[in-house]
Amino acid sequence: MDESPTPAAASRSGSASVPVTRIEALIDRYDALLFDAYGVLVHAEGAMPGAADLLRRLNRIGKPYHVLTNDASKLPETAAVRYRGFGLEIGADRIVSSGLLLESYFAAHALRGARCAVLGTHDSQQYVVRAGGEVVPADSDFEVLAVVDQTGFPFLDTVDAAITTLFRLLDAGRPVHLLLPNPDLIYSRGVRSFGIAAGSVALLVETALRRRYREAELPQFVPLGKPLPYLYEESMRRCGTRNVVMLGDQLETDIAGANACGIDSVLVTTGVSTGDLGAIPAALQPTWTIDSIALTATRA
């Protein structure tokens, strides 16, 4: 039997039994809903079941929501067009991408005008340009190596060039900023199919660094997206409320970040993390689980 939402603290005690809820209960309780993109609303080939009907309902009743995504392969305006092609009417102003966080990082670290090697798509490069960086090839001297996405470039040749240049710069004693807007290791490519994400590419580079230098104080990638608080805080600022709930498919990013921000969370079991929550740490414990974002009346 589905349970109505209860305070988050009650379900973060570490118990293996996490109550199940319904999407209608979440709509009624919260002032705004925050959705992860991949594995919740979309996958690489289209919309997740029930997503179009749900968003039509939210748009019709004027319920605030945002898409909170670590995906930095598309600018918000590009993503909005793609979502419309999937039948999802999501405005660009509702999409809060980890790529947007590069601007504040560049400003805080005086990186405007810095030479940046960018692993990612054309839109990934545009995030860097909008932040004030100058995009350069991976085989030329750079001050920033940004692993923004795992697609959009000749993978092996570009990673080889980036690692080679990075080694050369470090050998010469030149500092390099390593940036990772998207810390995800994997993502949902389709219904029950998966692929590696930008975080896995960064792990590859960090492993190469450790193998070559074997030093404790090596540069490491600075993650910007979930589970860090920045995307959550920006979404709540846009919504004008902290009475929000995060719906995500990954415990280590979506749920952990929501818990750290003190907001409720729902594990949607249609993506990466499964509903088997036995013996997980309290920091990863969702408030509830849900097996579908489809409205009850539209479920088969």
C-alpha atoms as a PDB file:
ATOM      1  CA  MET A   1       0.000   0.000   0.000  1.00  0.00           C
ATOM      2  CA  ASP A   2       1.375   3.430  -0.915  1.00  0.00           C
ATOM      3  CA  GLU A   3       2.175   5.704   1.978  1.00  0.00           C
ATOM      4  CA  SER A   4       1.658   9.434   2.191  1.00  0.00           C
ATOM      5  CA  PRO A   5       4.775  11.562   2.576  1.00  0.00           C
ATOM      6  CA  THR A   6       6.144  11.897   6.085  1.00  0.00           C
ATOM      7  CA  PRO A   7       9.062  13.975   7.434  1.00  0.00           C
ATOM      8  CA  ALA A   8      12.394  13.028   5.932  1.00  0.00           C
ATOM      9  CA  ALA A   9      14.068  12.307   9.257  1.00  0.00           C
ATOM     10  CA  ALA A  10      11.653   9.498   9.963  1.00  0.00           C
ATOM     11  CA  SER A  11      12.857   7.500   6.972  1.00  0.00           C
ATOM     12  CA  ARG A  12      16.602   8.238   7.220  1.00  0.00           C
ATOM     13  CA  SER A  13      17.243   6.141  10.300  1.00  0.00           C
ATOM     14  CA  GLY A  14      19.109   3.537   8.274  1.00  0.00           C
ATOM     15  CA  SER A  15      16.200   1.113   8.126  1.00  0.00           C
ATOM     16  CA  ALA A  16      16.142  -1.231   5.160  1.00  0.00           C
ATOM     17  CA  SER A  17      12.413  -0.578   4.830  1.00  0.00           C
ATOM     18  CA  VAL A  18      11.825   2.575   2.818  1.00  0.00           C
ATOM     19  CA  PRO A  19       8.176   3.438   2.224  1.00  0.00           C
ATOM     20  CA  VAL A  20       6.725   3.612  -1.256  1.00  0.00           C
ATOM     21  CA  THR A  21       4.867   6.704  -2.414  1.00  0.00           C
ATOM     22  CA  ARG A  22       2.862   7.861  -5.420  1.00  0.00           C
ATOM     23  CA  ILE A  23       3.557  10.804  -7.686  1.00  0.00           C
ATOM     24  CA  GLU A  24       0.161  12.317  -6.828  1.00  0.00           C
ATOM     25  CA  ALA A  25       1.088  12.401  -3.128  1.00  0.00           C
ATOM     26  CA  LEU A  26       4.278  14.295  -3.944  1.00  0.00           C
ATOM     27  CA  ILE A  27       2.421  16.827  -6.088  1.00  0.00           C
ATOM     28  CA  ASP A  28      -0.013  17.477  -3.241  1.00  0.00           C
ATOM     29  CA  ARG A  29       2.594  17.821  -0.470  1.00  0.00           C
ATOM     30  CA  TYR A  30       5.368  19.897  -2.034  1.00  0.00           C
ATOM     31  CA  ASP A  31       5.516  23.425  -3.387  1.00  0.00           C
ATOM     32  CA  ALA A  32       7.905  22.297  -6.152  1.00  0.00           C
ATOM     33  CA  LEU A  33       9.351  19.097  -7.612  1.00  0.00           C
ATOM     34  CA  LEU A  34      12.959  18.595  -8.710  1.00  0.00           C
ATOM     35  CA  PHE A  35      13.620  15.885 -11.284  1.00  0.00           C
ATOM     36  CA  ASP A  36      16.805  14.245 -12.412  1.00  0.00           C
ATOM     37  CA  ALA A  37      16.812  13.881 -16.197  1.00  0.00           C
ATOM     38  CA  TYR A  38      18.303  10.526 -17.245  1.00  0.00           C
ATOM     39  CA  GLY A  39      16.588   7.510 -15.730  1.00  0.00           C
ATOM     40  CA  VAL A  40      13.690   9.609 -14.413  1.00  0.00           C
ATOM     41  CA  LEU A  41      12.258  11.729 -17.241  1.00  0.00           C
ATOM     42  CA  VAL A  42      14.318  10.594 -20.226  1.00  0.00           C
ATOM     43  CA  HIS A  43      16.856   8.120 -21.482  1.00  0.00           C
ATOM     44  CA  ALA A  44      19.183   8.435 -24.466  1.00  0.00           C
ATOM     45  CA  GLU A  45      16.469   7.516 -26.961  1.00  0.00           C
ATOM     46  CA  GLY A  46      13.294   9.114 -25.650  1.00  0.00           C
ATOM     47  CA  ALA A  47      11.006   9.824 -22.725  1.00  0.00           C
ATOM     48  CA  MET A  48      10.582   7.498 -19.773  1.00  0.00           C
ATOM     49  CA  PRO A  49       7.117   5.943 -19.443  1.00  0.00           C
ATOM     50  CA  GLY A  50       4.635   8.366 -17.917  1.00  0.00           C
ATOM     51  CA  ALA A  51       6.871  11.434 -18.192  1.00  0.00           C
ATOM     52  CA  ALA A  52       4.837  13.253 -20.864  1.00  0.00           C
ATOM     53  CA  ASP A  53       1.509  12.878 -19.020  1.00  0.00           C
ATOM     54  CA  LEU A  54       3.079  13.932 -15.730  1.00  0.00           C
ATOM     55  CA  LEU A  55       4.633  17.089 -17.162  1.00  0.00           C
ATOM     56  CA  ARG A  56       1.401  17.992 -18.922  1.00  0.00           C
ATOM     57  CA  ARG A  57      -0.340  17.759 -15.545  1.00  0.00           C
ATOM     58  CA  LEU A  58       2.267  19.915 -13.821  1.00  0.00           C
ATOM     59  CA  ASN A  59       2.172  22.520 -16.586  1.00  0.00           C
ATOM     60  CA  ARG A  60      -1.633  22.594 -16.532  1.00  0.00           C
ATOM     61  CA  ILE A  61      -1.943  23.113 -12.780  1.00  0.00           C
ATOM     62  CA  GLY A  62       1.009  25.519 -12.614  1.00  0.00           C
ATOM     63  CA  LYS A  63       3.067  23.363 -10.236  1.00  0.00           C
ATOM     64  CA  PRO A  64       6.688  24.604 -10.175  1.00  0.00           C
ATOM     65  CA  TYR A  65       9.351  22.062 -11.161  1.00  0.00           C
ATOM     66  CA  HIS A  66      12.899  21.965 -12.436  1.00  0.00           C
ATOM     67  CA  VAL A  67      15.087  19.409 -14.170  1.00  0.00           C
ATOM     68  CA  LEU A  68      18.249  19.126 -12.110  1.00  0.00           C
ATOM     69  CA  THR A  69      20.829  17.392 -14.281  1.00  0.00           C
ATOM     70  CA  ASN A  70      24.512  16.549 -14.192  1.00  0.00           C
ATOM     71  CA  ASP A  71      24.373  16.244 -17.983  1.00  0.00           C
ATOM     72  CA  ALA A  72      26.485  19.065 -19.430  1.00  0.00           C
ATOM     73  CA  SER A  73      26.462  17.852 -23.020  1.00  0.00           C
ATOM     74  CA  LYS A  74      23.637  20.231 -23.978  1.00  0.00           C
ATOM     75  CA  LEU A  75      22.906  23.855 -23.236  1.00  0.00           C
ATOM     76  CA  PRO A  76      19.482  24.357 -21.626  1.00  0.00           C
ATOM     77  CA  GLU A  77      18.031  25.714 -24.863  1.00  0.00           C
ATOM     78  CA  THR A  78      19.362  22.684 -26.788  1.00  0.00           C
ATOM     79  CA  ALA A  79      18.019  20.269 -24.178  1.00  0.00           C
ATOM     80  CA  ALA A  80      14.590  21.927 -24.268  1.00  0.00           C
ATOM     81  CA  VAL A  81      14.359  21.379 -28.029  1.00  0.00           C
ATOM     82  CA  ARG A  82      15.406  17.749 -27.610  1.00  0.00           C
ATOM     83  CA  TYR A  83      12.860  17.189 -24.851  1.00  0.00           C
ATOM     84  CA  ARG A  84      10.108  18.640 -27.022  1.00  0.00           C
ATOM     85  CA  GLY A  85      11.070  16.075 -29.643  1.00  0.00           C
ATOM     86  CA  PHE A  86      10.356  13.441 -26.994  1.00  0.00           C
ATOM     87  CA  GLY A  87       6.937  14.975 -26.294  1.00  0.00           C
ATOM     88  CA  LEU A  88       8.074  16.719 -23.095  1.00  0.00           C
ATOM     89  CA  GLU A  89       7.177  20.404 -22.825  1.00  0.00           C
ATOM     90  CA  ILE A  90      10.033  21.616 -20.618  1.00  0.00           C
ATOM     91  CA  GLY A  91      11.177  25.209 -21.012  1.00  0.00           C
ATOM     92  CA  ALA A  92      14.879  26.027 -21.033  1.00  0.00           C
ATOM     93  CA  ASP A  93      14.384  28.091 -17.871  1.00  0.00           C
ATOM     94  CA  ARG A  94      13.395  24.899 -16.028  1.00  0.00           C
ATOM     95  CA  ILE A  95      16.642  23.087 -16.879  1.00  0.00           C
ATOM     96  CA  VAL A  96      19.445  23.521 -14.334  1.00  0.00           C
ATOM     97  CA  SER A  97      22.568  21.840 -15.720  1.00  0.00           C
ATOM     98  CA  SER A  98      25.906  21.282 -14.033  1.00  0.00           C
ATOM     99  CA  GLY A  99      27.488  23.074 -17.006  1.00  0.00           C
ATOM    100  CA  LEU A 100      26.015  26.323 -15.712  1.00  0.00           C
ATOM    101  CA  LEU A 101      28.211  26.011 -12.610  1.00  0.00           C
ATOM    102  CA  LEU A 102      31.375  26.613 -14.631  1.00  0.00           C
ATOM    103  CA  GLU A 103      30.686  30.342 -14.737  1.00  0.00           C
ATOM    104  CA  SER A 104      30.817  30.799 -10.967  1.00  0.00           C
ATOM    105  CA  TYR A 105      33.868  28.530 -10.690  1.00  0.00           C
ATOM    106  CA  PHE A 106      35.775  30.504 -13.328  1.00  0.00           C
ATOM    107  CA  ALA A 107      34.870  33.773 -11.625  1.00  0.00           C
ATOM    108  CA  ALA A 108      35.890  32.526  -8.173  1.00  0.00           C
ATOM    109  CA  HIS A 109      39.253  31.198  -9.394  1.00  0.00           C
ATOM    110  CA  ALA A 110      40.192  34.017 -11.783  1.00  0.00           C
ATOM    111  CA  LEU A 111      40.031  31.741 -14.816  1.00  0.00           C
ATOM    112  CA  ARG A 112      38.411  34.129 -17.270  1.00  0.00           C
ATOM    113  CA  GLY A 113      40.578  34.036 -20.395  1.00  0.00           C
ATOM    114  CA  ALA A 114      42.219  30.737 -19.370  1.00  0.00           C
ATOM    115  CA  ARG A 115      43.161  28.228 -22.077  1.00  0.00           C
ATOM    116  CA  CYS A 116      40.867  25.240 -21.676  1.00  0.00           C
ATOM    117  CA  ALA A 117      40.950  21.753 -23.157  1.00  0.00           C
ATOM    118  CA  VAL A 118      37.367  20.523 -23.157  1.00  0.00           C
ATOM    119  CA  LEU A 119      36.315  16.899 -23.480  1.00  0.00           C
ATOM    120  CA  GLY A 120      32.699  16.992 -24.584  1.00  0.00           C
ATOM    121  CA  THR A 121      30.282  18.187 -27.201  1.00  0.00           C
ATOM    122  CA  HIS A 122      30.059  21.550 -28.947  1.00  0.00           C
ATOM    123  CA  ASP A 123      27.561  22.644 -26.289  1.00  0.00           C
ATOM    124  CA  SER A 124      30.007  21.479 -23.603  1.00  0.00           C
ATOM    125  CA  GLN A 125      32.560  23.836 -25.117  1.00  0.00           C
ATOM    126  CA  GLN A 126      29.985  26.617 -25.124  1.00  0.00           C
ATOM    127  CA  TYR A 127      29.493  26.244 -21.379  1.00  0.00           C
ATOM    128  CA  VAL A 128      33.233  26.918 -21.026  1.00  0.00           C
ATOM    129  CA  VAL A 129      33.130  29.854 -23.444  1.00  0.00           C
ATOM    130  CA  ARG A 130      30.198  31.397 -21.575  1.00  0.00           C
ATOM    131  CA  ALA A 131      32.188  31.004 -18.357  1.00  0.00           C
ATOM    132  CA  GLY A 132      34.986  33.040 -19.939  1.00  0.00           C
ATOM    133  CA  GLY A 133      37.380  30.313 -21.018  1.00  0.00           C
ATOM    134  CA  GLU A 134      39.217  29.984 -24.340  1.00  0.00           C
ATOM    135  CA  VAL A 135      38.803  26.499 -25.830  1.00  0.00           C
ATOM    136  CA  VAL A 136      42.041  25.003 -27.199  1.00  0.00           C
ATOM    137  CA  PRO A 137      42.945  21.552 -28.571  1.00  0.00           C
ATOM    138  CA  ALA A 138      43.858  18.836 -26.079  1.00  0.00           C
ATOM    139  CA  ASP A 139      47.389  18.583 -27.498  1.00  0.00           C
ATOM    140  CA  SER A 140      48.219  22.270 -26.867  1.00  0.00           C
ATOM    141  CA  ASP A 141      49.185  23.909 -23.586  1.00  0.00           C
ATOM    142  CA  PHE A 142      46.155  24.407 -21.377  1.00  0.00           C
ATOM    143  CA  GLU A 143      45.487  25.829 -17.930  1.00  0.00           C
ATOM    144  CA  VAL A 144      42.216  23.966 -17.473  1.00  0.00           C
ATOM    145  CA  LEU A 145      41.277  20.417 -18.402  1.00  0.00           C
ATOM    146  CA  ALA A 146      37.497  20.126 -18.253  1.00  0.00           C
ATOM    147  CA  VAL A 147      35.934  16.697 -18.658  1.00  0.00           C
ATOM    148  CA  VAL A 148      32.395  17.818 -19.410  1.00  0.00           C
ATOM    149  CA  ASP A 149      30.969  14.835 -21.292  1.00  0.00           C
ATOM    150  CA  GLN A 150      32.023  11.462 -22.628  1.00  0.00           C
ATOM    151  CA  THR A 151      30.764  12.124 -26.168  1.00  0.00           C
ATOM    152  CA  GLY A 152      31.323  14.621 -28.965  1.00  0.00           C
ATOM    153  CA  PHE A 153      35.014  13.932 -29.665  1.00  0.00           C
ATOM    154  CA  PRO A 154      37.287  11.111 -30.952  1.00  0.00           C
ATOM    155  CA  PHE A 155      37.499   9.376 -27.602  1.00  0.00           C
ATOM    156  CA  LEU A 156      40.818   7.516 -27.525  1.00  0.00           C
ATOM    157  CA  ASP A 157      42.837  10.052 -29.534  1.00  0.00           C
ATOM    158  CA  THR A 158      41.549  12.982 -27.476  1.00  0.00           C
ATOM    159  CA  VAL A 159      42.023  11.304 -24.083  1.00  0.00           C
ATOM    160  CA  ASP A 160      45.543  10.236 -25.106  1.00  0.00           C
ATOM    161  CA  ALA A 161      46.368  13.795 -26.170  1.00  0.00           C
ATOM    162  CA  ALA A 162      44.935  15.277 -22.970  1.00  0.00           C
ATOM    163  CA  ILE A 163      46.892  12.882 -20.739  1.00  0.00           C
ATOM    164  CA  THR A 164      50.117  13.441 -22.689  1.00  0.00           C
ATOM    165  CA  THR A 165      49.770  17.226 -22.458  1.00  0.00           C
ATOM    166  CA  LEU A 166      48.831  17.044 -18.798  1.00  0.00           C
ATOM    167  CA  PHE A 167      51.935  14.992 -18.003  1.00  0.00           C
ATOM    168  CA  ARG A 168      54.116  17.472 -19.910  1.00  0.00           C
ATOM    169  CA  LEU A 169      52.674  20.448 -18.057  1.00  0.00           C
ATOM    170  CA  LEU A 170      53.026  18.820 -14.652  1.00  0.00           C
ATOM    171  CA  ASP A 171      56.600  17.750 -15.440  1.00  0.00           C
ATOM    172  CA  ALA A 172      57.336  21.425 -16.113  1.00  0.00           C
ATOM    173  CA  GLY A 173      55.825  22.424 -12.771  1.00  0.00           C
ATOM    174  CA  ARG A 174      52.854  24.200 -14.310  1.00  0.00           C
ATOM    175  CA  PRO A 175      49.556  24.042 -12.405  1.00  0.00           C
ATOM    176  CA  VAL A 176      46.437  22.765 -14.143  1.00  0.00           C
ATOM    177  CA  HIS A 177      42.819  23.031 -12.989  1.00  0.00           C
ATOM    178  CA  LEU A 178      40.944  19.757 -13.482  1.00  0.00           C
ATOM    179  CA  LEU A 179      37.181  20.330 -13.665  1.00  0.00           C
ATOM    180  CA  LEU A 180      34.338  17.807 -13.717  1.00  0.00           C
ATOM    181  CA  PRO A 181      30.867  19.353 -14.040  1.00  0.00           C
ATOM    182  CA  ASN A 182      29.275  15.884 -14.302  1.00  0.00           C
ATOM    183  CA  PRO A 183      30.531  13.460 -11.623  1.00  0.00           C
ATOM    184  CA  ASP A 184      28.196  10.640 -12.750  1.00  0.00           C
ATOM    185  CA  LEU A 185      29.984   7.368 -13.470  1.00  0.00           C
ATOM    186  CA  ILE A 186      27.139   5.768 -15.410  1.00  0.00           C
ATOM    187  CA  TYR A 187      23.765   6.818 -16.784  1.00  0.00           C
ATOM    188  CA  SER A 188      20.641   5.281 -18.297  1.00  0.00           C
ATOM    189  CA  ARG A 189      20.989   4.944 -22.066  1.00  0.00           C
ATOM    190  CA  GLY A 190      17.600   3.291 -22.395  1.00  0.00           C
ATOM    191  CA  VAL A 191      15.119   1.306 -20.377  1.00  0.00           C
ATOM    192  CA  ARG A 192      17.424  -1.074 -18.470  1.00  0.00           C
ATOM    193  CA  SER A 193      20.493  -0.241 -20.551  1.00  0.00           C
ATOM    194  CA  PHE A 194      23.416   1.866 -19.367  1.00  0.00           C
ATOM    195  CA  GLY A 195      26.573   3.683 -20.455  1.00  0.00           C
ATOM    196  CA  ILE A 196      29.593   5.347 -18.881  1.00  0.00           C
ATOM    197  CA  ALA A 197      29.433   9.050 -18.048  1.00  0.00           C
ATOM    198  CA  ALA A 198      31.990  11.836 -17.665  1.00  0.00           C
ATOM    199  CA  GLY A 199      32.946  10.804 -14.132  1.00  0.00           C
ATOM    200  CA  SER A 200      34.327   7.531 -15.464  1.00  0.00           C
ATOM    201  CA  VAL A 201      36.522   9.441 -17.938  1.00  0.00           C
ATOM    202  CA  ALA A 202      37.875  11.572 -15.088  1.00  0.00           C
ATOM    203  CA  LEU A 203      38.645   8.412 -13.094  1.00  0.00           C
ATOM    204  CA  LEU A 204      40.645   7.138 -16.049  1.00  0.00           C
ATOM    205  CA  VAL A 205      42.742  10.330 -16.112  1.00  0.00           C
ATOM    206  CA  GLU A 206      43.261  10.281 -12.342  1.00  0.00           C
ATOM    207  CA  THR A 207      44.345   6.634 -12.487  1.00  0.00           C
ATOM    208  CA  ALA A 208      46.915   7.524 -15.165  1.00  0.00           C
ATOM    209  CA  LEU A 209      48.219  10.339 -12.956  1.00  0.00           C
ATOM    210  CA  ARG A 210      48.675   8.010  -9.993  1.00  0.00           C
ATOM    211  CA  ARG A 211      50.425   5.392 -12.083  1.00  0.00           C
ATOM    212  CA  ARG A 212      52.933   7.893 -13.488  1.00  0.00           C
ATOM    213  CA  TYR A 213      53.693  10.040 -10.448  1.00  0.00           C
ATOM    214  CA  ARG A 214      52.848   7.854  -7.426  1.00  0.00           C
ATOM    215  CA  GLU A 215      52.562  10.940  -5.239  1.00  0.00           C
ATOM    216  CA  ALA A 216      50.014  11.715  -2.570  1.00  0.00           C
ATOM    217  CA  GLU A 217      49.480  15.340  -3.620  1.00  0.00           C
ATOM    218  CA  LEU A 218      48.382  14.944  -7.211  1.00  0.00           C
ATOM    219  CA  PRO A 219      45.829  17.209  -8.855  1.00  0.00           C
ATOM    220  CA  GLN A 220      42.327  15.799  -8.751  1.00  0.00           C
ATOM    221  CA  PHE A 221      39.186  16.708 -10.611  1.00  0.00           C
ATOM    222  CA  VAL A 222      36.924  19.199  -8.878  1.00  0.00           C
ATOM    223  CA  PRO A 223      33.320  17.997  -9.208  1.00  0.00           C
ATOM    224  CA  LEU A 224      30.582  20.598  -9.564  1.00  0.00           C
ATOM    225  CA  GLY A 225      27.302  18.724 -10.025  1.00  0.00           C
ATOM    226  CA  LYS A 226      25.273  16.466  -7.769  1.00  0.00           C
ATOM    227  CA  PRO A 227      25.768  15.404  -4.995  1.00  0.00           C
ATOM    228  CA  LEU A 228      27.298  18.816  -4.264  1.00  0.00           C
ATOM    229  CA  PRO A 229      24.714  21.412  -3.169  1.00  0.00           C
ATOM    230  CA  TYR A 230      25.008  23.984  -5.961  1.00  0.00           C
ATOM    231  CA  LEU A 231      22.354  22.643  -8.343  1.00  0.00           C
ATOM    232  CA  TYR A 232      19.870  22.074  -5.518  1.00  0.00           C
ATOM    233  CA  GLU A 233      20.387  25.564  -4.114  1.00  0.00           C
ATOM    234  CA  GLU A 234      20.021  27.185  -7.540  1.00  0.00           C
ATOM    235  CA  SER A 235      16.823  25.245  -8.210  1.00  0.00           C
ATOM    236  CA  MET A 236      15.324  26.246  -4.865  1.00  0.00           C
ATOM    237  CA  ARG A 237      16.297  29.844  -5.519  1.00  0.00           C
ATOM    238  CA  ARG A 238      14.462  29.748  -8.835  1.00  0.00           C
ATOM    239  CA  CYS A 239      11.433  28.082  -7.236  1.00  0.00           C
ATOM    240  CA  GLY A 240      11.377  30.508  -4.320  1.00  0.00           C
ATOM    241  CA  THR A 241      10.869  27.731  -1.767  1.00  0.00           C
ATOM    242  CA  ARG A 242      12.711  25.031   0.155  1.00  0.00           C
ATOM    243  CA  ASN A 243       9.585  22.883   0.405  1.00  0.00           C
ATOM    244  CA  VAL A 244      10.770  20.726  -2.495  1.00  0.00           C
ATOM    245  CA  VAL A 245      11.432  17.065  -3.149  1.00  0.00           C
ATOM    246  CA  MET A 246      14.148  15.557  -5.360  1.00  0.00           C
ATOM    247  CA  LEU A 247      13.266  12.614  -7.615  1.00  0.00           C
ATOM    248  CA  GLY A 248      16.348  10.785  -8.865  1.00  0.00           C
ATOM    249  CA  ASP A 249      17.595   7.382  -9.909  1.00  0.00           C
ATOM    250  CA  GLN A 250      21.074   7.387  -8.327  1.00  0.00           C
ATOM    251  CA  LEU A 251      21.662   7.082  -4.588  1.00  0.00           C
ATOM    252  CA  GLU A 252      25.217   8.441  -4.672  1.00  0.00           C
ATOM    253  CA  THR A 253      24.313  11.654  -6.502  1.00  0.00           C
ATOM    254  CA  ASP A 254      20.596  12.528  -6.542  1.00  0.00           C
ATOM    255  CA  ILE A 255      19.662  11.148  -3.123  1.00  0.00           C
ATOM    256  CA  ALA A 256      22.916  11.897  -1.276  1.00  0.00           C
ATOM    257  CA  GLY A 257      22.844  15.505  -2.478  1.00  0.00           C
ATOM    258  CA  ALA A 258      19.222  16.029  -1.462  1.00  0.00           C
ATOM    259  CA  ASN A 259      19.884  14.560   1.969  1.00  0.00           C
ATOM    260  CA  ALA A 260      22.921  16.795   2.453  1.00  0.00           C
ATOM    261  CA  CYS A 261      20.788  19.838   1.563  1.00  0.00           C
ATOM    262  CA  GLY A 262      18.132  18.821   4.081  1.00  0.00           C
ATOM    263  CA  ILE A 263      15.369  18.199   1.550  1.00  0.00           C
ATOM    264  CA  ASP A 264      13.274  15.102   0.960  1.00  0.00           C
ATOM    265  CA  SER A 265      14.173  12.632  -1.760  1.00  0.00           C
ATOM    266  CA  VAL A 266      12.596   9.862  -3.797  1.00  0.00           C
ATOM    267  CA  LEU A 267      14.509   7.015  -5.420  1.00  0.00           C
ATOM    268  CA  VAL A 268      12.897   6.327  -8.789  1.00  0.00           C
ATOM    269  CA  THR A 269      13.736   2.684  -9.508  1.00  0.00           C
ATOM    270  CA  THR A 270      13.598   2.979 -13.308  1.00  0.00           C
ATOM    271  CA  GLY A 271      17.264   3.969 -13.672  1.00  0.00           C
ATOM    272  CA  VAL A 272      20.648   3.111 -12.171  1.00  0.00           C
ATOM    273  CA  SER A 273      20.024   2.332  -8.487  1.00  0.00           C
ATOM    274  CA  THR A 274      17.653  -0.472  -7.628  1.00  0.00           C
ATOM    275  CA  GLY A 275      15.013  -0.622  -4.936  1.00  0.00           C
ATOM    276  CA  ASP A 276      17.089  -3.004  -2.767  1.00  0.00           C
ATOM    277  CA  LEU A 277      18.064  -0.604   0.012  1.00  0.00           C
ATOM    278  CA  GLY A 278      19.229  -3.037   2.645  1.00  0.00           C
ATOM    279  CA  ALA A 279      22.202  -1.904   4.747  1.00  0.00           C
ATOM    280  CA  ILE A 280      22.866   1.317   2.840  1.00  0.00           C
ATOM    281  CA  PRO A 281      24.393   4.251   4.761  1.00  0.00           C
ATOM    282  CA  ALA A 282      21.968   6.792   6.190  1.00  0.00           C
ATOM    283  CA  ALA A 283      23.444   9.486   3.907  1.00  0.00           C
ATOM    284  CA  LEU A 284      22.153   7.546   0.884  1.00  0.00           C
ATOM    285  CA  GLN A 285      18.769   6.637   2.340  1.00  0.00           C
ATOM    286  CA  PRO A 286      15.876   8.119   0.353  1.00  0.00           C
ATOM    287  CA  THR A 287      12.733   9.341   2.050  1.00  0.00           C
ATOM    288  CA  TRP A 288      10.689   7.104  -0.254  1.00  0.00           C
ATOM    289  CA  THR A 289      10.910   4.971  -3.349  1.00  0.00           C
ATOM    290  CA  ILE A 290       8.656   5.021  -6.363  1.00  0.00           C
ATOM    291  CA  ASP A 291       8.512   2.489  -9.182  1.00  0.00           C
ATOM    292  CA  SER A 292       7.092   4.848 -11.796  1.00  0.00           C
ATOM    293  CA  ILE A 293       6.540   8.553 -12.272  1.00  0.00           C
ATOM    294  CA  ALA A 294       3.392   7.755 -14.225  1.00  0.00           C
ATOM    295  CA  LEU A 295       0.164   9.148 -12.842  1.00  0.00           C
ATOM    296  CA  THR A 296      -1.883   6.378 -11.280  1.00  0.00           C
ATOM    297  CA  ALA A 297      -4.748   6.790 -13.733  1.00  0.00           C
ATOM    298  CA  THR A 298      -2.400   6.354 -16.716  1.00  0.00           C
ATOM    299  CA  ARG A 299      -0.534   3.272 -15.484  1.00  0.00           C
ATOM    300  CA  ALA A 300      -1.167   0.009 -17.243  1.00  0.00           C
END
